[in-house]
Amino acid sequence: MYNAKKEEKGNINKLIEQVEYWSVEKGLHRGNPDRQALKFYEEAGEVGAALSRNKLDDLKDGIGDTVVTLIILAQQHGWSLQECLQYAYDEIKDRRGETRNGTFIKESDLQG
């Protein structure tokens, strides 16, 4: 039986490897992480601009560019995107809280 999720996972892994290889080709894997973080903020700003202007193609590009910057930032620290994502998921998976106006607010921030 065809498993679309399995193929999608293989494709995302391949894309991540391609970004990491591209980063090595450009020497970014050994670049300054502070500069890479600034690039992330720049791209995240483009995501916000695309949302505010309802430009869906720009939003898609901005999300992709943001992920690229995070892949490289992780790489610069000797980590993989998967490792960072797993770390974050392990922190949130049992988190309690409420969703208000489409935003999740963790329980500790609701008190007080």
PDB file of N, CA and C in Angstrom:
ATOM      1  N   MET A   1       0.834  -1.197   0.000  1.00  0.00           N
ATOM      2  CA  MET A   1       0.000   0.000   0.000  1.00  0.00           C
ATOM      3  C   MET A   1       0.874   1.254   0.000  1.00  0.00           C
ATOM      4  N   TYR A   2       0.462   2.221  -0.774  1.00  0.00           N
ATOM      5  CA  TYR A   2       1.174   3.498  -0.879  1.00  0.00           C
ATOM      6  C   TYR A   2       1.013   4.286   0.412  1.00  0.00           C
ATOM      7  N   ASN A   3       2.108   4.790   0.919  1.00  0.00           N
ATOM      8  CA  ASN A   3       2.067   5.544   2.161  1.00  0.00           C
ATOM      9  C   ASN A   3       2.592   6.956   1.902  1.00  0.00           C
ATOM     10  N   ALA A   4       1.656   7.903   1.740  1.00  0.00           N
ATOM     11  CA  ALA A   4       2.034   9.289   1.419  1.00  0.00           C
ATOM     12  C   ALA A   4       2.856   9.927   2.524  1.00  0.00           C
ATOM     13  N   LYS A   5       2.537   9.642   3.778  1.00  0.00           N
ATOM     14  CA  LYS A   5       3.282  10.233   4.894  1.00  0.00           C
ATOM     15  C   LYS A   5       4.744   9.784   4.877  1.00  0.00           C
ATOM     16  N   LYS A   6       4.959   8.508   4.583  1.00  0.00           N
ATOM     17  CA  LYS A   6       6.327   7.986   4.542  1.00  0.00           C
ATOM     18  C   LYS A   6       7.124   8.670   3.427  1.00  0.00           C
ATOM     19  N   GLU A   7       6.494   8.831   2.271  1.00  0.00           N
ATOM     20  CA  GLU A   7       7.170   9.508   1.154  1.00  0.00           C
ATOM     21  C   GLU A   7       7.448  10.964   1.505  1.00  0.00           C
ATOM     22  N   GLU A   8       6.478  11.622   2.142  1.00  0.00           N
ATOM     23  CA  GLU A   8       6.674  13.014   2.538  1.00  0.00           C
ATOM     24  C   GLU A   8       7.841  13.148   3.506  1.00  0.00           C
ATOM     25  N   LYS A   9       7.949  12.216   4.458  1.00  0.00           N
ATOM     26  CA  LYS A   9       9.052  12.237   5.421  1.00  0.00           C
ATOM     27  C   LYS A   9      10.387  12.075   4.700  1.00  0.00           C
ATOM     28  N   GLY A  10      10.431  11.168   3.731  1.00  0.00           N
ATOM     29  CA  GLY A  10      11.653  10.984   2.946  1.00  0.00           C
ATOM     30  C   GLY A  10      12.012  12.235   2.168  1.00  0.00           C
ATOM     31  N   ASN A  11      11.002  12.898   1.631  1.00  0.00           N
ATOM     32  CA  ASN A  11      11.246  14.127   0.879  1.00  0.00           C
ATOM     33  C   ASN A  11      11.756  15.240   1.776  1.00  0.00           C
ATOM     34  N   ILE A  12      11.187  15.378   2.977  1.00  0.00           N
ATOM     35  CA  ILE A  12      11.646  16.439   3.881  1.00  0.00           C
ATOM     36  C   ILE A  12      13.082  16.174   4.322  1.00  0.00           C
ATOM     37  N   ASN A  13      13.397  14.924   4.598  1.00  0.00           N
ATOM     38  CA  ASN A  13      14.777  14.585   4.974  1.00  0.00           C
ATOM     39  C   ASN A  13      15.737  14.900   3.839  1.00  0.00           C
ATOM     40  N   LYS A  14      15.330  14.600   2.618  1.00  0.00           N
ATOM     41  CA  LYS A  14      16.172  14.890   1.463  1.00  0.00           C
ATOM     42  C   LYS A  14      16.367  16.397   1.297  1.00  0.00           C
ATOM     43  N   LEU A  15      15.294  17.158   1.471  1.00  0.00           N
ATOM     44  CA  LEU A  15      15.404  18.617   1.371  1.00  0.00           C
ATOM     45  C   LEU A  15      16.329  19.185   2.442  1.00  0.00           C
ATOM     46  N   ILE A  16      16.212  18.686   3.651  1.00  0.00           N
ATOM     47  CA  ILE A  16      17.087  19.155   4.731  1.00  0.00           C
ATOM     48  C   ILE A  16      18.540  18.859   4.380  1.00  0.00           C
ATOM     49  N   GLU A  17      18.806  17.659   3.881  1.00  0.00           N
ATOM     50  CA  GLU A  17      20.171  17.307   3.470  1.00  0.00           C
ATOM     51  C   GLU A  17      20.660  18.231   2.360  1.00  0.00           C
ATOM     52  N   GLN A  18      19.783  18.565   1.417  1.00  0.00           N
ATOM     53  CA  GLN A  18      20.171  19.458   0.323  1.00  0.00           C
ATOM     54  C   GLN A  18      20.512  20.847   0.851  1.00  0.00           C
ATOM     55  N   VAL A  19      19.734  21.343   1.815  1.00  0.00           N
ATOM     56  CA  VAL A  19      20.023  22.653   2.408  1.00  0.00           C
ATOM     57  C   VAL A  19      21.356  22.601   3.150  1.00  0.00           C
ATOM     58  N   GLU A  20      21.580  21.527   3.914  1.00  0.00           N
ATOM     59  CA  GLU A  20      22.844  21.387   4.642  1.00  0.00           C
ATOM     60  C   GLU A  20      24.026  21.326   3.677  1.00  0.00           C
ATOM     61  N   TYR A  21      23.882  20.607   2.570  1.00  0.00           N
ATOM     62  CA  TYR A  21      24.945  20.528   1.571  1.00  0.00           C
ATOM     63  C   TYR A  21      25.187  21.904   0.949  1.00  0.00           C
ATOM     64  N   TRP A  22      24.106  22.596   0.601  1.00  0.00           N
ATOM     65  CA  TRP A  22      24.216  23.942   0.038  1.00  0.00           C
ATOM     66  C   TRP A  22      24.952  24.854   1.008  1.00  0.00           C
ATOM     67  N   SER A  23      24.626  24.725   2.289  1.00  0.00           N
ATOM     68  CA  SER A  23      25.272  25.526   3.333  1.00  0.00           C
ATOM     69  C   SER A  23      26.779  25.271   3.364  1.00  0.00           C
ATOM     70  N   VAL A  24      27.162  24.014   3.241  1.00  0.00           N
ATOM     71  CA  VAL A  24      28.583  23.660   3.220  1.00  0.00           C
ATOM     72  C   VAL A  24      29.250  24.250   1.980  1.00  0.00           C
ATOM     73  N   GLU A  25      28.583  24.119   0.836  1.00  0.00           N
ATOM     74  CA  GLU A  25      29.138  24.674  -0.411  1.00  0.00           C
ATOM     75  C   GLU A  25      29.397  26.174  -0.294  1.00  0.00           C
ATOM     76  N   LYS A  26      28.520  26.877   0.425  1.00  0.00           N
ATOM     77  CA  LYS A  26      28.640  28.331   0.566  1.00  0.00           C
ATOM     78  C   LYS A  26      29.478  28.740   1.776  1.00  0.00           C
ATOM     79  N   GLY A  27      29.923  27.765   2.568  1.00  0.00           N
ATOM     80  CA  GLY A  27      30.718  28.057   3.754  1.00  0.00           C
ATOM     81  C   GLY A  27      29.903  28.581   4.932  1.00  0.00           C
ATOM     82  N   LEU A  28      28.588  28.481   4.822  1.00  0.00           N
ATOM     83  CA  LEU A  28      27.725  29.000   5.887  1.00  0.00           C
ATOM     84  C   LEU A  28      27.731  28.117   7.132  1.00  0.00           C
ATOM     85  N   HIS A  29      28.030  26.846   6.964  1.00  0.00           N
ATOM     86  CA  HIS A  29      28.029  25.917   8.104  1.00  0.00           C
ATOM     87  C   HIS A  29      29.070  26.306   9.150  1.00  0.00           C
ATOM     88  N   ARG A  30      30.053  27.088   8.729  1.00  0.00           N
ATOM     89  CA  ARG A  30      31.083  27.574   9.651  1.00  0.00           C
ATOM     90  C   ARG A  30      30.965  29.072   9.876  1.00  0.00           C
ATOM     91  N   GLY A  31      29.831  29.622   9.477  1.00  0.00           N
ATOM     92  CA  GLY A  31      29.620  31.060   9.617  1.00  0.00           C
ATOM     93  C   GLY A  31      29.315  31.450  11.055  1.00  0.00           C
ATOM     94  N   ASN A  32      29.146  32.722  11.240  1.00  0.00           N
ATOM     95  CA  ASN A  32      28.857  33.293  12.549  1.00  0.00           C
ATOM     96  C   ASN A  32      27.381  33.059  12.883  1.00  0.00           C
ATOM     97  N   PRO A  33      27.083  32.293  13.936  1.00  0.00           N
ATOM     98  CA  PRO A  33      25.686  32.037  14.291  1.00  0.00           C
ATOM     99  C   PRO A  33      24.893  33.314  14.592  1.00  0.00           C
ATOM    100  N   ASP A  34      25.554  34.342  15.097  1.00  0.00           N
ATOM    101  CA  ASP A  34      24.853  35.611  15.343  1.00  0.00           C
ATOM    102  C   ASP A  34      24.332  36.200  14.026  1.00  0.00           C
ATOM    103  N   ARG A  35      25.140  36.118  12.986  1.00  0.00           N
ATOM    104  CA  ARG A  35      24.726  36.620  11.667  1.00  0.00           C
ATOM    105  C   ARG A  35      23.592  35.764  11.108  1.00  0.00           C
ATOM    106  N   GLN A  36      23.675  34.462  11.357  1.00  0.00           N
ATOM    107  CA  GLN A  36      22.624  33.565  10.876  1.00  0.00           C
ATOM    108  C   GLN A  36      21.310  33.853  11.612  1.00  0.00           C
ATOM    109  N   ALA A  37      21.393  34.154  12.894  1.00  0.00           N
ATOM    110  CA  ALA A  37      20.195  34.510  13.655  1.00  0.00           C
ATOM    111  C   ALA A  37      19.582  35.795  13.092  1.00  0.00           C
ATOM    112  N   LEU A  38      20.419  36.759  12.723  1.00  0.00           N
ATOM    113  CA  LEU A  38      19.908  37.984  12.108  1.00  0.00           C
ATOM    114  C   LEU A  38      19.193  37.681  10.795  1.00  0.00           C
ATOM    115  N   LYS A  39      19.741  36.735  10.032  1.00  0.00           N
ATOM    116  CA  LYS A  39      19.099  36.335   8.778  1.00  0.00           C
ATOM    117  C   LYS A  39      17.741  35.703   9.074  1.00  0.00           C
ATOM    118  N   PHE A  40      17.668  34.905  10.140  1.00  0.00           N
ATOM    119  CA  PHE A  40      16.393  34.324  10.545  1.00  0.00           C
ATOM    120  C   PHE A  40      15.373  35.428  10.852  1.00  0.00           C
ATOM    121  N   TYR A  41      15.782  36.429  11.626  1.00  0.00           N
ATOM    122  CA  TYR A  41      14.866  37.519  11.974  1.00  0.00           C
ATOM    123  C   TYR A  41      14.395  38.263  10.727  1.00  0.00           C
ATOM    124  N   GLU A  42      15.301  38.455   9.781  1.00  0.00           N
ATOM    125  CA  GLU A  42      14.940  39.113   8.523  1.00  0.00           C
ATOM    126  C   GLU A  42      13.853  38.313   7.810  1.00  0.00           C
ATOM    127  N   GLU A  43      14.070  37.009   7.701  1.00  0.00           N
ATOM    128  CA  GLU A  43      13.098  36.161   7.011  1.00  0.00           C
ATOM    129  C   GLU A  43      11.778  36.084   7.771  1.00  0.00           C
ATOM    130  N   ALA A  44      11.839  36.043   9.096  1.00  0.00           N
ATOM    131  CA  ALA A  44      10.619  36.022   9.901  1.00  0.00           C
ATOM    132  C   ALA A  44       9.828  37.317   9.701  1.00  0.00           C
ATOM    133  N   GLY A  45      10.537  38.419   9.540  1.00  0.00           N
ATOM    134  CA  GLY A  45       9.876  39.690   9.241  1.00  0.00           C
ATOM    135  C   GLY A  45       9.151  39.645   7.911  1.00  0.00           C
ATOM    136  N   GLU A  46       9.743  38.946   6.946  1.00  0.00           N
ATOM    137  CA  GLU A  46       9.089  38.801   5.641  1.00  0.00           C
ATOM    138  C   GLU A  46       7.825  37.959   5.763  1.00  0.00           C
ATOM    139  N   VAL A  47       7.829  36.978   6.674  1.00  0.00           N
ATOM    140  CA  VAL A  47       6.620  36.189   6.927  1.00  0.00           C
ATOM    141  C   VAL A  47       5.519  37.115   7.444  1.00  0.00           C
ATOM    142  N   GLY A  48       5.867  37.962   8.411  1.00  0.00           N
ATOM    143  CA  GLY A  48       4.898  38.908   8.957  1.00  0.00           C
ATOM    144  C   GLY A  48       4.373  39.865   7.900  1.00  0.00           C
ATOM    145  N   ALA A  49       5.250  40.357   7.060  1.00  0.00           N
ATOM    146  CA  ALA A  49       4.834  41.276   5.998  1.00  0.00           C
ATOM    147  C   ALA A  49       3.887  40.585   5.017  1.00  0.00           C
ATOM    148  N   ALA A  50       4.198  39.359   4.668  1.00  0.00           N
ATOM    149  CA  ALA A  50       3.338  38.614   3.738  1.00  0.00           C
ATOM    150  C   ALA A  50       1.961  38.369   4.349  1.00  0.00           C
ATOM    151  N   LEU A  51       1.933  38.030   5.634  1.00  0.00           N
ATOM    152  CA  LEU A  51       0.648  37.832   6.308  1.00  0.00           C
ATOM    153  C   LEU A  51      -0.166  39.119   6.325  1.00  0.00           C
ATOM    154  N   SER A  52       0.480  40.217   6.653  1.00  0.00           N
ATOM    155  CA  SER A  52      -0.243  41.486   6.755  1.00  0.00           C
ATOM    156  C   SER A  52      -0.761  41.956   5.403  1.00  0.00           C
ATOM    157  N   ARG A  53      -0.122  41.527   4.324  1.00  0.00           N
ATOM    158  CA  ARG A  53      -0.527  41.933   2.975  1.00  0.00           C
ATOM    159  C   ARG A  53      -1.338  40.845   2.262  1.00  0.00           C
ATOM    160  N   ASN A  54      -1.544  39.722   2.961  1.00  0.00           N
ATOM    161  CA  ASN A  54      -2.281  38.581   2.406  1.00  0.00           C
ATOM    162  C   ASN A  54      -1.666  38.108   1.081  1.00  0.00           C
ATOM    163  N   LYS A  55      -0.340  38.056   1.036  1.00  0.00           N
ATOM    164  CA  LYS A  55       0.383  37.590  -0.154  1.00  0.00           C
ATOM    165  C   LYS A  55       0.841  36.151   0.104  1.00  0.00           C
ATOM    166  N   LEU A  56       0.038  35.198  -0.341  1.00  0.00           N
ATOM    167  CA  LEU A  56       0.272  33.807   0.002  1.00  0.00           C
ATOM    168  C   LEU A  56       1.549  33.238  -0.612  1.00  0.00           C
ATOM    169  N   ASP A  57       1.897  33.642  -1.829  1.00  0.00           N
ATOM    170  CA  ASP A  57       3.153  33.159  -2.413  1.00  0.00           C
ATOM    171  C   ASP A  57       4.355  33.665  -1.616  1.00  0.00           C
ATOM    172  N   ASP A  58       4.296  34.921  -1.196  1.00  0.00           N
ATOM    173  CA  ASP A  58       5.369  35.481  -0.370  1.00  0.00           C
ATOM    174  C   ASP A  58       5.418  34.796   0.995  1.00  0.00           C
ATOM    175  N   LEU A  59       4.255  34.443   1.526  1.00  0.00           N
ATOM    176  CA  LEU A  59       4.200  33.742   2.806  1.00  0.00           C
ATOM    177  C   LEU A  59       4.855  32.373   2.692  1.00  0.00           C
ATOM    178  N   LYS A  60       4.525  31.652   1.637  1.00  0.00           N
ATOM    179  CA  LYS A  60       5.124  30.328   1.435  1.00  0.00           C
ATOM    180  C   LYS A  60       6.637  30.434   1.313  1.00  0.00           C
ATOM    181  N   ASP A  61       7.103  31.409   0.539  1.00  0.00           N
ATOM    182  CA  ASP A  61       8.539  31.632   0.375  1.00  0.00           C
ATOM    183  C   ASP A  61       9.184  32.006   1.709  1.00  0.00           C
ATOM    184  N   GLY A  62       8.532  32.866   2.455  1.00  0.00           N
ATOM    185  CA  GLY A  62       9.074  33.301   3.747  1.00  0.00           C
ATOM    186  C   GLY A  62       9.168  32.166   4.751  1.00  0.00           C
ATOM    187  N   ILE A  63       8.148  31.322   4.787  1.00  0.00           N
ATOM    188  CA  ILE A  63       8.199  30.164   5.689  1.00  0.00           C
ATOM    189  C   ILE A  63       9.363  29.263   5.294  1.00  0.00           C
ATOM    190  N   GLY A  64       9.490  28.993   4.007  1.00  0.00           N
ATOM    191  CA  GLY A  64      10.602  28.158   3.539  1.00  0.00           C
ATOM    192  C   GLY A  64      11.953  28.767   3.856  1.00  0.00           C
ATOM    193  N   ASP A  65      12.092  30.069   3.590  1.00  0.00           N
ATOM    194  CA  ASP A  65      13.359  30.750   3.873  1.00  0.00           C
ATOM    195  C   ASP A  65      13.681  30.721   5.367  1.00  0.00           C
ATOM    196  N   THR A  66      12.656  30.860   6.194  1.00  0.00           N
ATOM    197  CA  THR A  66      12.862  30.823   7.638  1.00  0.00           C
ATOM    198  C   THR A  66      13.364  29.455   8.072  1.00  0.00           C
ATOM    199  N   VAL A  67      12.774  28.406   7.527  1.00  0.00           N
ATOM    200  CA  VAL A  67      13.221  27.048   7.862  1.00  0.00           C
ATOM    201  C   VAL A  67      14.663  26.841   7.412  1.00  0.00           C
ATOM    202  N   VAL A  68      15.016  27.345   6.241  1.00  0.00           N
ATOM    203  CA  VAL A  68      16.400  27.236   5.755  1.00  0.00           C
ATOM    204  C   VAL A  68      17.360  27.879   6.753  1.00  0.00           C
ATOM    205  N   THR A  69      17.016  29.070   7.238  1.00  0.00           N
ATOM    206  CA  THR A  69      17.917  29.741   8.178  1.00  0.00           C
ATOM    207  C   THR A  69      18.054  28.948   9.477  1.00  0.00           C
ATOM    208  N   LEU A  70      16.985  28.291   9.908  1.00  0.00           N
ATOM    209  CA  LEU A  70      17.039  27.495  11.134  1.00  0.00           C
ATOM    210  C   LEU A  70      17.843  26.212  10.937  1.00  0.00           C
ATOM    211  N   ILE A  71      17.733  25.609   9.767  1.00  0.00           N
ATOM    212  CA  ILE A  71      18.545  24.421   9.460  1.00  0.00           C
ATOM    213  C   ILE A  71      20.022  24.783   9.563  1.00  0.00           C
ATOM    214  N   ILE A  72      20.391  25.913   8.989  1.00  0.00           N
ATOM    215  CA  ILE A  72      21.799  26.334   8.990  1.00  0.00           C
ATOM    216  C   ILE A  72      22.243  26.725  10.393  1.00  0.00           C
ATOM    217  N   LEU A  73      21.392  27.418  11.143  1.00  0.00           N
ATOM    218  CA  LEU A  73      21.747  27.796  12.510  1.00  0.00           C
ATOM    219  C   LEU A  73      21.978  26.548  13.369  1.00  0.00           C
ATOM    220  N   ALA A  74      21.135  25.552  13.222  1.00  0.00           N
ATOM    221  CA  ALA A  74      21.331  24.290  13.948  1.00  0.00           C
ATOM    222  C   ALA A  74      22.649  23.644  13.517  1.00  0.00           C
ATOM    223  N   GLN A  75      22.876  23.617  12.213  1.00  0.00           N
ATOM    224  CA  GLN A  75      24.098  23.023  11.663  1.00  0.00           C
ATOM    225  C   GLN A  75      25.343  23.713  12.226  1.00  0.00           C
ATOM    226  N   GLN A  76      25.297  25.009  12.368  1.00  0.00           N
ATOM    227  CA  GLN A  76      26.438  25.757  12.894  1.00  0.00           C
ATOM    228  C   GLN A  76      26.762  25.369  14.334  1.00  0.00           C
ATOM    229  N   HIS A  77      25.782  24.809  15.026  1.00  0.00           N
ATOM    230  CA  HIS A  77      25.991  24.366  16.407  1.00  0.00           C
ATOM    231  C   HIS A  77      26.189  22.857  16.518  1.00  0.00           C
ATOM    232  N   GLY A  78      26.294  22.187  15.363  1.00  0.00           N
ATOM    233  CA  GLY A  78      26.516  20.744  15.365  1.00  0.00           C
ATOM    234  C   GLY A  78      25.258  19.934  15.631  1.00  0.00           C
ATOM    235  N   TRP A  79      24.094  20.542  15.438  1.00  0.00           N
ATOM    236  CA  TRP A  79      22.830  19.867  15.656  1.00  0.00           C
ATOM    237  C   TRP A  79      22.104  19.689  14.325  1.00  0.00           C
ATOM    238  N   SER A  80      21.108  18.837  14.341  1.00  0.00           N
ATOM    239  CA  SER A  80      20.235  18.691  13.183  1.00  0.00           C
ATOM    240  C   SER A  80      18.909  19.373  13.493  1.00  0.00           C
ATOM    241  N   LEU A  81      18.165  19.703  12.450  1.00  0.00           N
ATOM    242  CA  LEU A  81      16.837  20.268  12.638  1.00  0.00           C
ATOM    243  C   LEU A  81      15.957  19.294  13.410  1.00  0.00           C
ATOM    244  N   GLN A  82      16.068  18.020  13.080  1.00  0.00           N
ATOM    245  CA  GLN A  82      15.270  17.004  13.771  1.00  0.00           C
ATOM    246  C   GLN A  82      15.590  16.970  15.267  1.00  0.00           C
ATOM    247  N   GLU A  83      16.863  17.061  15.597  1.00  0.00           N
ATOM    248  CA  GLU A  83      17.293  17.056  17.004  1.00  0.00           C
ATOM    249  C   GLU A  83      16.683  18.249  17.759  1.00  0.00           C
ATOM    250  N   CYS A  84      16.697  19.413  17.145  1.00  0.00           N
ATOM    251  CA  CYS A  84      16.133  20.607  17.777  1.00  0.00           C
ATOM    252  C   CYS A  84      14.617  20.495  17.909  1.00  0.00           C
ATOM    253  N   LEU A  85      13.979  19.992  16.865  1.00  0.00           N
ATOM    254  CA  LEU A  85      12.532  19.837  16.899  1.00  0.00           C
ATOM    255  C   LEU A  85      12.113  18.812  17.948  1.00  0.00           C
ATOM    256  N   GLN A  86      12.868  17.725  18.050  1.00  0.00           N
ATOM    257  CA  GLN A  86      12.573  16.699  19.058  1.00  0.00           C
ATOM    258  C   GLN A  86      12.727  17.276  20.460  1.00  0.00           C
ATOM    259  N   TYR A  87      13.753  18.071  20.662  1.00  0.00           N
ATOM    260  CA  TYR A  87      13.997  18.708  21.958  1.00  0.00           C
ATOM    261  C   TYR A  87      12.805  19.582  22.353  1.00  0.00           C
ATOM    262  N   ALA A  88      12.339  20.387  21.396  1.00  0.00           N
ATOM    263  CA  ALA A  88      11.207  21.276  21.661  1.00  0.00           C
ATOM    264  C   ALA A  88       9.931  20.472  21.898  1.00  0.00           C
ATOM    265  N   TYR A  89       9.711  19.435  21.093  1.00  0.00           N
ATOM    266  CA  TYR A  89       8.498  18.629  21.263  1.00  0.00           C
ATOM    267  C   TYR A  89       8.482  17.940  22.616  1.00  0.00           C
ATOM    268  N   ASP A  90       9.626  17.435  23.044  1.00  0.00           N
ATOM    269  CA  ASP A  90       9.698  16.780  24.355  1.00  0.00           C
ATOM    270  C   ASP A  90       9.314  17.743  25.473  1.00  0.00           C
ATOM    271  N   GLU A  91       9.585  19.032  25.283  1.00  0.00           N
ATOM    272  CA  GLU A  91       9.214  20.035  26.280  1.00  0.00           C
ATOM    273  C   GLU A  91       7.722  20.356  26.256  1.00  0.00           C
ATOM    274  N   ILE A  92       7.093  20.321  25.076  1.00  0.00           N
ATOM    275  CA  ILE A  92       5.702  20.762  24.980  1.00  0.00           C
ATOM    276  C   ILE A  92       4.678  19.638  25.001  1.00  0.00           C
ATOM    277  N   LYS A  93       5.101  18.406  24.749  1.00  0.00           N
ATOM    278  CA  LYS A  93       4.138  17.320  24.521  1.00  0.00           C
ATOM    279  C   LYS A  93       3.153  17.117  25.670  1.00  0.00           C
ATOM    280  N   ASP A  94       3.539  17.351  26.880  1.00  0.00           N
ATOM    281  CA  ASP A  94       2.646  17.162  28.026  1.00  0.00           C
ATOM    282  C   ASP A  94       2.207  18.487  28.647  1.00  0.00           C
ATOM    283  N   ARG A  95       2.480  19.566  27.956  1.00  0.00           N
ATOM    284  CA  ARG A  95       2.166  20.891  28.480  1.00  0.00           C
ATOM    285  C   ARG A  95       0.658  21.100  28.538  1.00  0.00           C
ATOM    286  N   ARG A  96       0.228  21.694  29.611  1.00  0.00           N
ATOM    287  CA  ARG A  96      -1.190  22.013  29.787  1.00  0.00           C
ATOM    288  C   ARG A  96      -1.378  23.513  29.629  1.00  0.00           C
ATOM    289  N   GLY A  97      -2.575  23.885  29.225  1.00  0.00           N
ATOM    290  CA  GLY A  97      -2.899  25.288  29.053  1.00  0.00           C
ATOM    291  C   GLY A  97      -4.198  25.444  28.300  1.00  0.00           C
ATOM    292  N   GLU A  98      -4.376  26.627  27.726  1.00  0.00           N
ATOM    293  CA  GLU A  98      -5.591  26.953  26.989  1.00  0.00           C
ATOM    294  C   GLU A  98      -5.228  27.650  25.680  1.00  0.00           C
ATOM    295  N   THR A  99      -6.112  27.470  24.711  1.00  0.00           N
ATOM    296  CA  THR A  99      -5.982  28.212  23.472  1.00  0.00           C
ATOM    297  C   THR A  99      -6.974  29.368  23.519  1.00  0.00           C
ATOM    298  N   ARG A 100      -6.439  30.577  23.397  1.00  0.00           N
ATOM    299  CA  ARG A 100      -7.265  31.788  23.411  1.00  0.00           C
ATOM    300  C   ARG A 100      -6.979  32.593  22.153  1.00  0.00           C
ATOM    301  N   ASN A 101      -8.030  32.896  21.434  1.00  0.00           N
ATOM    302  CA  ASN A 101      -7.901  33.660  20.182  1.00  0.00           C
ATOM    303  C   ASN A 101      -6.873  33.039  19.242  1.00  0.00           C
ATOM    304  N   GLY A 102      -6.826  31.705  19.224  1.00  0.00           N
ATOM    305  CA  GLY A 102      -5.930  30.998  18.319  1.00  0.00           C
ATOM    306  C   GLY A 102      -4.500  30.878  18.796  1.00  0.00           C
ATOM    307  N   THR A 103      -4.213  31.287  20.024  1.00  0.00           N
ATOM    308  CA  THR A 103      -2.864  31.203  20.577  1.00  0.00           C
ATOM    309  C   THR A 103      -2.879  30.331  21.823  1.00  0.00           C
ATOM    310  N   PHE A 104      -1.963  29.355  21.876  1.00  0.00           N
ATOM    311  CA  PHE A 104      -1.862  28.495  23.050  1.00  0.00           C
ATOM    312  C   PHE A 104      -1.115  29.237  24.153  1.00  0.00           C
ATOM    313  N   ILE A 105      -1.706  29.232  25.342  1.00  0.00           N
ATOM    314  CA  ILE A 105      -1.091  29.864  26.501  1.00  0.00           C
ATOM    315  C   ILE A 105      -0.852  28.778  27.536  1.00  0.00           C
ATOM    316  N   LYS A 106       0.410  28.590  27.891  1.00  0.00           N
ATOM    317  CA  LYS A 106       0.713  27.512  28.845  1.00  0.00           C
ATOM    318  C   LYS A 106       0.163  27.838  30.224  1.00  0.00           C
ATOM    319  N   GLU A 107      -0.115  26.782  30.950  1.00  0.00           N
ATOM    320  CA  GLU A 107      -0.776  26.891  32.246  1.00  0.00           C
ATOM    321  C   GLU A 107      -0.076  27.864  33.197  1.00  0.00           C
ATOM    322  N   SER A 108       1.240  27.812  33.236  1.00  0.00           N
ATOM    323  CA  SER A 108       1.978  28.687  34.161  1.00  0.00           C
ATOM    324  C   SER A 108       1.791  30.171  33.835  1.00  0.00           C
ATOM    325  N   ASP A 109       1.508  30.475  32.569  1.00  0.00           N
ATOM    326  CA  ASP A 109       1.284  31.875  32.177  1.00  0.00           C
ATOM    327  C   ASP A 109      -0.163  32.313  32.418  1.00  0.00           C
ATOM    328  N   LEU A 110      -1.053  31.357  32.692  1.00  0.00           N
ATOM    329  CA  LEU A 110      -2.446  31.685  32.976  1.00  0.00           C
ATOM    330  C   LEU A 110      -2.653  32.077  34.430  1.00  0.00           C
ATOM    331  N   GLN A 111      -1.742  31.644  35.261  1.00  0.00           N
ATOM    332  CA  GLN A 111      -1.872  31.915  36.699  1.00  0.00           C
ATOM    333  C   GLN A 111      -1.266  33.274  37.042  1.00  0.00           C
ATOM    334  N   GLY A 112      -1.964  33.972  37.848  1.00  0.00           N
ATOM    335  CA  GLY A 112      -1.402  35.237  38.323  1.00  0.00           C
ATOM    336  C   GLY A 112      -2.075  36.382  37.788  1.00  0.00           C
TER     337      GLY A 112
END
